[in-house]
Structures are given as C-alpha cells and as structure tokens.
Amino acid sequence: MPADLLQLISVDYRSLKDSPTAMALKQQLMPDNIKQFESALKGIGIDPEKDVDTLTFASFRSGKQGVKGVGVAAGPFNMKAVLKKMKLQKYVPKKYNNSYIYPMDGGFMMSFLDDSTLLFGDSTAIRAALDTRDGQTLGLDTNGTMADMMSSVDSAPVWSILDQQGTQNMMRSALGDASKIADYETVKKRLVGSRYTMNFNSGVNFDLTVVTSDSMTASTMSSLVKAGILYKKMSATPPEKVAIDNTTVDADGSNLGVHFKANDQQFQSLMRCRAEPLKASQERH
C-alpha cells in the first residue's frame, strides 16, 4: 500500500460467514463499488462467498491524480482457471513492468500479485500500487502513524485505520450539534488518527480508538463525545436508545476510546431501524 494512505479497511470473509448478523451488516453497509467488484469477480469465475478469504480496501493520495482506491482480494481461487476464462472471454492483458493488468467488468482492472492474491482498482490506482510493491515509491511502512495503528488492529475480523483529516471529519459528524457549541475546530487539530475493530463472536463488539496528541485532548474529546451522545439520545428511537446505553466512552492516556456491544437481536433491531429511513428515501426517488 502507498505511504500517503487515507484509509484502510479489511474484512475477513471467513469470520462473517459464521454470523448471520455480520452477513446482514455486510449486505446493508457494503458500498456500491464493492458490490460491483463482487459481480465482476463472478464474471471471471471467482465466487466471493467461497473463494475469497479476506478483502482489503485502501484509499490514498496519488500526486496530481488525486485520491485513488485499490483493493486486494486473497483466497484459494484457481489462478490458472481464472486466466483461462479471461482468455476465452478475450480479455487482453497489458504488461506493466513485471506484471500483467487485465480488464474486468464494471470498469475495474486487476493484476495477480501471486497465485492467491488479486489486486484491483482503476488503471491509475493499480499502477500506483504496483509501483509501491516494486519499491519504486514509498510504502505504508514509511508512514509511522498509520503503520503503528494498523499493528494494533490487524488481527481482528473487521478493522480499519483512518488518517488525521478523515478522523477529524468522522468525529465532527459523530458529535453532531455538540461540535457546533464546543470549540471543536481548535481541538480537532490535535487529533492524530483513528482505528477500529469489529468482531462477531458473541453479538457485535465495536471498538474505536482515536489517537490524539496528548492526554488533555483525549479527556476533552471524551467529554465532547459524551455530550454528543446525550444530544442524540433526546431524539433517538427505542432501538437507538438501547444502542446508546450499550456504548461507553473513556480516555486512556492520549487515546479516546468508544466501545459498543450488543447481542444479535439488539443489533438487528438497530439495523432495521436505520434501514427504514433509507428505504423510504429510495422509494421517494
């Protein structure tokens, strides 16, 4: 992954398969471009439900090209069978350095990193990722902040890391009205980045850590988040109130922690509650 990383999200498909709640969450929250990629995979003979173990997505800055995104799919798929099918479909690869880049449905391009690892994205993004793999540009290991955050979460079934600007925007959105009445614009400059994990061993467990520059900032953010939760609770639906009651906030040194835990029934009730306004909006359009 290139050094100038904005966000990295990784999903262990194997862990999701054992949890109906996790599968429902994936279906509801999965971005359209990921659904398109899964469809493109099926077009070349790879079944995401059976042949993909992990799926990782990264967004990064790519110089004058702006923000780009790539994904990496890893699993026990049969590379020779895939290449044979692509040849039958008359997909013609283009050589780039020591790699071959193939077109896919949906505007995606793909390249095999090895027999069981597939890189995908648009043409510019794939080339940037291959340049990083080949040592021509700086990689994630040179970005100390993001690399450190990743090492704290990368064993979880679902995990993500977010850079400073993304963390600032996320927290502003999460705080809602509380960010307007508080001096958030000053505090946000001392937010360094964030990371979260999700697991589905017994219900849903979500743990978010916001890394700040010092313990005072973490304590201030803890107070702001607690205020934001109180604001949201005033207008929350019953399932949302249960979710709020299942959320705890704390400051540990320079880190802000937000923790959410719910059983399967509570979480599925919350998802139905959140889906209804979205469905109504789609029907109006």
Protein backbone atom coordinates (compact mmCIF):
# COMPACT_ATOMS: atom_id res chain seq x y z
CA MET A 1 0.00 0.00 0.00
CA PRO A 2 1.30 3.52 -0.85
CA ALA A 3 2.60 5.66 2.03
CA ASP A 4 0.14 8.54 1.63
CA LEU A 5 -2.73 6.44 2.94
CA LEU A 6 -6.09 7.97 3.84
CA GLN A 7 -7.97 4.86 4.96
CA LEU A 8 -7.54 1.12 5.03
CA ILE A 9 -10.42 -1.31 5.65
CA SER A 10 -10.02 -5.08 5.91
CA VAL A 11 -12.75 -7.70 6.12
CA ASP A 12 -12.22 -11.39 6.92
CA TYR A 13 -14.99 -13.06 4.91
CA ARG A 14 -14.46 -16.35 6.75
CA SER A 15 -15.43 -14.82 10.09
CA LEU A 16 -18.52 -13.16 8.59
CA LYS A 17 -19.90 -16.44 7.23
CA ASP A 18 -20.38 -17.80 10.75
CA SER A 19 -22.51 -14.85 11.86
CA PRO A 20 -25.95 -14.05 10.35
CA THR A 21 -25.70 -10.60 11.94
CA ALA A 22 -22.35 -9.96 10.27
CA MET A 23 -23.71 -11.04 6.88
CA ALA A 24 -26.73 -8.75 7.29
CA LEU A 25 -24.44 -5.87 8.23
CA LYS A 26 -22.24 -6.53 5.20
CA GLN A 27 -25.25 -6.54 2.88
CA GLN A 28 -26.67 -3.30 4.28
CA LEU A 29 -23.48 -1.27 4.60
CA MET A 30 -21.37 -2.56 1.72
CA PRO A 31 -20.64 0.31 -0.74
CA ASP A 32 -21.96 0.01 -4.29
CA ASN A 33 -18.46 -0.19 -5.77
CA ILE A 34 -17.73 -3.28 -3.66
CA LYS A 35 -20.95 -4.90 -4.85
CA GLN A 36 -19.84 -4.11 -8.40
CA PHE A 37 -16.46 -5.68 -7.75
CA GLU A 38 -18.05 -8.85 -6.36
CA SER A 39 -20.14 -9.01 -9.51
CA ALA A 40 -17.00 -8.55 -11.64
CA LEU A 41 -15.30 -11.38 -9.73
CA LYS A 42 -18.18 -13.72 -10.53
CA GLY A 43 -17.73 -12.78 -14.18
CA ILE A 44 -14.23 -14.28 -14.18
CA GLY A 45 -15.16 -17.39 -12.22
CA ILE A 46 -14.41 -16.31 -8.64
CA ASP A 47 -17.21 -16.73 -6.10
CA PRO A 48 -16.67 -14.12 -3.34
CA GLU A 49 -18.63 -16.24 -0.85
CA LYS A 50 -16.44 -19.32 -1.39
CA ASP A 51 -13.16 -18.24 -2.96
CA VAL A 52 -12.28 -15.05 -1.04
CA ASP A 53 -10.86 -15.22 2.49
CA THR A 54 -10.03 -11.55 3.03
CA LEU A 55 -10.83 -8.33 1.22
CA THR A 56 -8.85 -5.15 1.91
CA PHE A 57 -9.57 -1.68 0.54
CA ALA A 58 -7.29 1.34 0.61
CA SER A 59 -7.75 4.96 -0.40
CA PHE A 60 -4.62 7.05 -0.87
CA ARG A 61 -3.34 10.26 -2.43
CA SER A 62 -1.63 9.77 -5.76
CA GLY A 63 0.03 13.09 -6.60
CA LYS A 64 -1.74 15.06 -9.32
CA GLN A 65 -4.14 12.15 -9.84
CA GLY A 66 -5.84 12.99 -6.53
CA VAL A 67 -7.40 10.36 -4.28
CA LYS A 68 -7.34 6.81 -5.61
CA GLY A 69 -8.58 3.49 -4.30
CA VAL A 70 -7.39 -0.09 -4.65
CA GLY A 71 -8.45 -3.41 -3.22
CA VAL A 72 -6.71 -6.68 -2.50
CA ALA A 73 -8.62 -9.98 -2.50
CA ALA A 74 -6.91 -13.05 -1.06
CA GLY A 75 -8.19 -16.59 -1.09
CA PRO A 76 -7.96 -20.11 -2.52
CA PHE A 77 -9.06 -19.21 -6.03
CA ASN A 78 -7.60 -21.04 -9.01
CA MET A 79 -5.46 -18.51 -10.89
CA LYS A 80 -4.94 -20.78 -13.91
CA ALA A 81 -8.69 -21.36 -14.28
CA VAL A 82 -9.35 -17.62 -13.94
CA LEU A 83 -6.78 -16.73 -16.59
CA LYS A 84 -8.18 -19.42 -18.90
CA LYS A 85 -11.69 -18.00 -18.53
CA MET A 86 -10.44 -14.46 -19.19
CA LYS A 87 -8.69 -15.68 -22.32
CA LEU A 88 -11.90 -17.32 -23.54
CA GLN A 89 -13.69 -14.02 -22.91
CA LYS A 90 -10.97 -12.33 -24.98
CA TYR A 91 -9.75 -10.07 -22.18
CA VAL A 92 -6.33 -8.87 -23.37
CA PRO A 93 -3.79 -8.04 -20.63
CA LYS A 94 -1.32 -5.15 -20.73
CA LYS A 95 2.19 -5.62 -19.40
CA TYR A 96 3.32 -3.14 -16.75
CA ASN A 97 6.87 -3.61 -15.50
CA ASN A 98 6.87 -7.26 -14.35
CA SER A 99 3.10 -7.56 -14.01
CA TYR A 100 0.10 -8.09 -16.26
CA ILE A 101 -3.00 -5.93 -15.88
CA TYR A 102 -6.34 -7.36 -17.05
CA PRO A 103 -9.63 -5.56 -17.68
CA MET A 104 -12.73 -6.67 -15.74
CA ASP A 105 -16.42 -5.88 -15.91
CA GLY A 106 -17.60 -2.69 -14.21
CA GLY A 107 -14.59 -0.62 -15.24
CA PHE A 108 -12.20 -2.47 -12.91
CA MET A 109 -8.68 -3.56 -13.74
CA MET A 110 -6.92 -6.44 -11.98
CA SER A 111 -3.48 -7.93 -11.54
CA PHE A 112 -2.36 -11.11 -9.77
CA LEU A 113 0.23 -10.38 -7.06
CA ASP A 114 0.67 -14.14 -6.60
CA ASP A 115 -1.38 -17.33 -7.10
CA SER A 116 -3.86 -16.42 -4.37
CA THR A 117 -3.77 -12.60 -4.20
CA LEU A 118 -5.57 -10.28 -6.58
CA LEU A 119 -5.11 -6.50 -6.84
CA PHE A 120 -7.96 -4.47 -8.31
CA GLY A 121 -8.93 -0.86 -8.99
CA ASP A 122 -8.82 1.59 -11.87
CA SER A 123 -5.80 1.72 -14.16
CA THR A 124 -4.02 4.60 -12.39
CA ALA A 125 -4.59 3.16 -8.91
CA ILE A 126 -3.32 -0.30 -9.87
CA ARG A 127 -0.16 1.14 -11.39
CA ALA A 128 0.48 3.20 -8.25
CA ALA A 129 0.05 0.11 -6.06
CA LEU A 130 2.33 -1.99 -8.28
CA ASP A 131 4.97 0.77 -8.20
CA THR A 132 4.85 0.61 -4.39
CA ARG A 133 5.08 -3.19 -4.40
CA ASP A 134 8.13 -2.97 -6.68
CA GLY A 135 9.86 -0.42 -4.43
CA GLN A 136 9.59 2.48 -6.87
CA THR A 137 7.53 4.60 -4.46
CA LEU A 138 7.31 4.76 -0.66
CA GLY A 139 5.10 2.20 1.05
CA LEU A 140 2.92 2.12 4.15
CA ASP A 141 5.84 1.01 6.33
CA THR A 142 7.31 4.53 5.94
CA ASN A 143 4.14 6.12 7.36
CA GLY A 144 4.79 5.60 11.08
CA THR A 145 1.41 6.82 12.33
CA MET A 146 -0.69 4.62 10.06
CA ALA A 147 1.64 1.61 10.37
CA ASP A 148 1.54 1.80 14.18
CA MET A 149 -2.26 1.99 14.20
CA MET A 150 -2.52 -0.97 11.82
CA SER A 151 -0.34 -3.17 14.02
CA SER A 152 -2.83 -2.64 16.87
CA VAL A 153 -5.87 -3.89 14.96
CA ASP A 154 -4.90 -6.12 12.02
CA SER A 155 -5.75 -9.40 13.75
CA ALA A 156 -9.47 -8.51 14.07
CA PRO A 157 -12.14 -9.92 11.69
CA VAL A 158 -13.05 -6.40 10.56
CA TRP A 159 -10.70 -3.47 11.09
CA SER A 160 -9.90 -0.05 9.73
CA ILE A 161 -7.42 2.80 10.14
CA LEU A 162 -8.11 6.42 9.22
CA ASP A 163 -5.74 9.35 8.74
CA GLN A 164 -5.87 12.72 10.52
CA GLN A 165 -8.25 14.56 8.18
CA GLY A 166 -10.59 11.61 7.91
CA THR A 167 -10.64 11.28 11.69
CA GLN A 168 -11.43 14.98 12.09
CA ASN A 169 -14.36 14.71 9.68
CA MET A 170 -15.62 11.49 11.28
CA MET A 171 -15.60 12.98 14.76
CA ARG A 172 -17.34 16.16 13.60
CA SER A 173 -20.10 14.04 12.08
CA ALA A 174 -20.32 11.81 15.17
CA LEU A 175 -20.53 14.77 17.53
CA GLY A 176 -23.37 16.38 15.59
CA ASP A 177 -24.67 19.52 17.30
CA ALA A 178 -22.13 19.13 20.11
CA SER A 179 -19.36 20.06 17.66
CA LYS A 180 -21.07 23.40 16.99
CA ILE A 181 -21.37 24.57 20.57
CA ALA A 182 -17.95 23.33 21.65
CA ASP A 183 -14.54 24.52 20.49
CA TYR A 184 -14.13 21.52 18.22
CA GLU A 185 -12.30 23.45 15.49
CA THR A 186 -9.45 24.03 17.95
CA VAL A 187 -9.42 20.55 19.44
CA LYS A 188 -9.56 18.75 16.08
CA LYS A 189 -6.05 19.92 15.17
CA ARG A 190 -4.71 17.65 17.91
CA LEU A 191 -6.40 14.50 16.57
CA VAL A 192 -3.73 12.28 15.01
CA GLY A 193 -5.72 9.39 13.52
CA SER A 194 -8.11 6.60 14.44
CA ARG A 195 -8.58 2.85 14.27
CA TYR A 196 -11.48 0.49 14.89
CA THR A 197 -12.20 -3.20 15.14
CA MET A 198 -15.39 -5.26 14.93
CA ASN A 199 -15.91 -8.87 15.90
CA PHE A 200 -18.98 -11.09 16.00
CA ASN A 201 -18.03 -13.84 18.47
CA SER A 202 -20.99 -13.09 20.75
CA GLY A 203 -23.22 -10.49 19.18
CA VAL A 204 -21.42 -7.38 17.90
CA ASN A 205 -18.41 -5.74 19.51
CA PHE A 206 -17.16 -2.44 18.09
CA ASP A 207 -14.10 -0.66 19.50
CA LEU A 208 -12.95 2.72 18.20
CA THR A 209 -9.70 4.36 19.32
CA VAL A 210 -8.98 7.97 18.41
CA VAL A 211 -5.29 8.77 18.79
CA THR A 212 -4.66 12.33 19.98
CA SER A 213 -1.53 14.36 20.68
CA ASP A 214 -1.89 14.43 24.48
CA SER A 215 -3.97 13.27 27.45
CA MET A 216 -5.73 16.63 27.82
CA THR A 217 -7.06 16.40 24.25
CA ALA A 218 -8.24 12.83 24.85
CA SER A 219 -10.05 13.92 28.02
CA THR A 220 -11.65 16.90 26.24
CA MET A 221 -12.79 14.69 23.36
CA SER A 222 -14.22 12.18 25.84
CA SER A 223 -16.37 14.94 27.34
CA LEU A 224 -17.46 16.13 23.88
CA VAL A 225 -18.45 12.62 22.76
CA LYS A 226 -20.44 12.05 25.95
CA ALA A 227 -22.25 15.35 25.32
CA GLY A 228 -22.93 14.30 21.73
CA ILE A 229 -24.39 11.00 22.93
CA LEU A 230 -26.75 12.85 25.28
CA TYR A 231 -27.93 15.07 22.40
CA LYS A 232 -28.60 12.04 20.20
CA LYS A 233 -30.44 10.19 22.97
CA MET A 234 -33.00 13.01 23.26
CA SER A 235 -34.37 12.27 19.77
CA ALA A 236 -33.43 8.59 19.48
CA THR A 237 -35.79 5.74 18.61
CA PRO A 238 -36.13 2.88 21.14
CA PRO A 239 -33.56 0.66 19.33
CA GLU A 240 -31.19 3.63 19.10
CA LYS A 241 -31.57 4.30 22.83
CA VAL A 242 -30.61 0.69 23.54
CA ALA A 243 -27.53 1.14 21.33
CA ILE A 244 -26.61 4.36 23.16
CA ASP A 245 -26.97 2.64 26.52
CA ASN A 246 -24.63 -0.09 25.24
CA THR A 247 -21.96 2.49 24.35
CA THR A 248 -19.16 3.53 26.70
CA VAL A 249 -16.61 6.31 26.28
CA ASP A 250 -13.28 6.70 28.06
CA ALA A 251 -9.90 8.39 27.85
CA ASP A 252 -6.74 6.34 28.35
CA GLY A 253 -3.62 8.49 28.20
CA SER A 254 -3.63 10.23 24.82
CA ASN A 255 -6.25 7.84 23.38
CA LEU A 256 -10.01 8.30 23.27
CA GLY A 257 -11.95 5.04 23.34
CA VAL A 258 -15.53 4.40 22.21
CA HIS A 259 -16.89 0.91 22.83
CA PHE A 260 -20.18 -0.61 21.68
CA LYS A 261 -21.53 -4.07 22.48
CA ALA A 262 -24.90 -5.60 21.58
CA ASN A 263 -26.40 -9.05 21.22
CA ASP A 264 -27.59 -10.20 17.79
CA GLN A 265 -31.24 -9.32 18.44
CA GLN A 266 -30.43 -5.79 19.63
CA PHE A 267 -28.13 -5.12 16.69
CA GLN A 268 -30.52 -6.46 14.05
CA SER A 269 -33.29 -4.31 15.54
CA LEU A 270 -30.99 -1.29 15.24
CA MET A 271 -30.18 -2.14 11.61
CA ARG A 272 -33.88 -2.39 10.74
CA CYS A 273 -34.45 0.96 12.41
CA ARG A 274 -31.61 2.58 10.44
CA ALA A 275 -32.70 0.96 7.16
CA GLU A 276 -36.30 2.25 7.21
CA PRO A 277 -35.48 5.95 6.54
CA LEU A 278 -33.07 4.90 3.79
CA LYS A 279 -35.71 2.68 2.16
CA ALA A 280 -38.29 5.48 2.34
CA SER A 281 -35.83 7.90 0.75
CA GLN A 282 -35.11 5.46 -2.09
CA GLU A 283 -38.84 4.92 -2.71
CA ARG A 284 -39.41 8.69 -2.99
CA HIS A 285 -36.77 8.85 -5.68
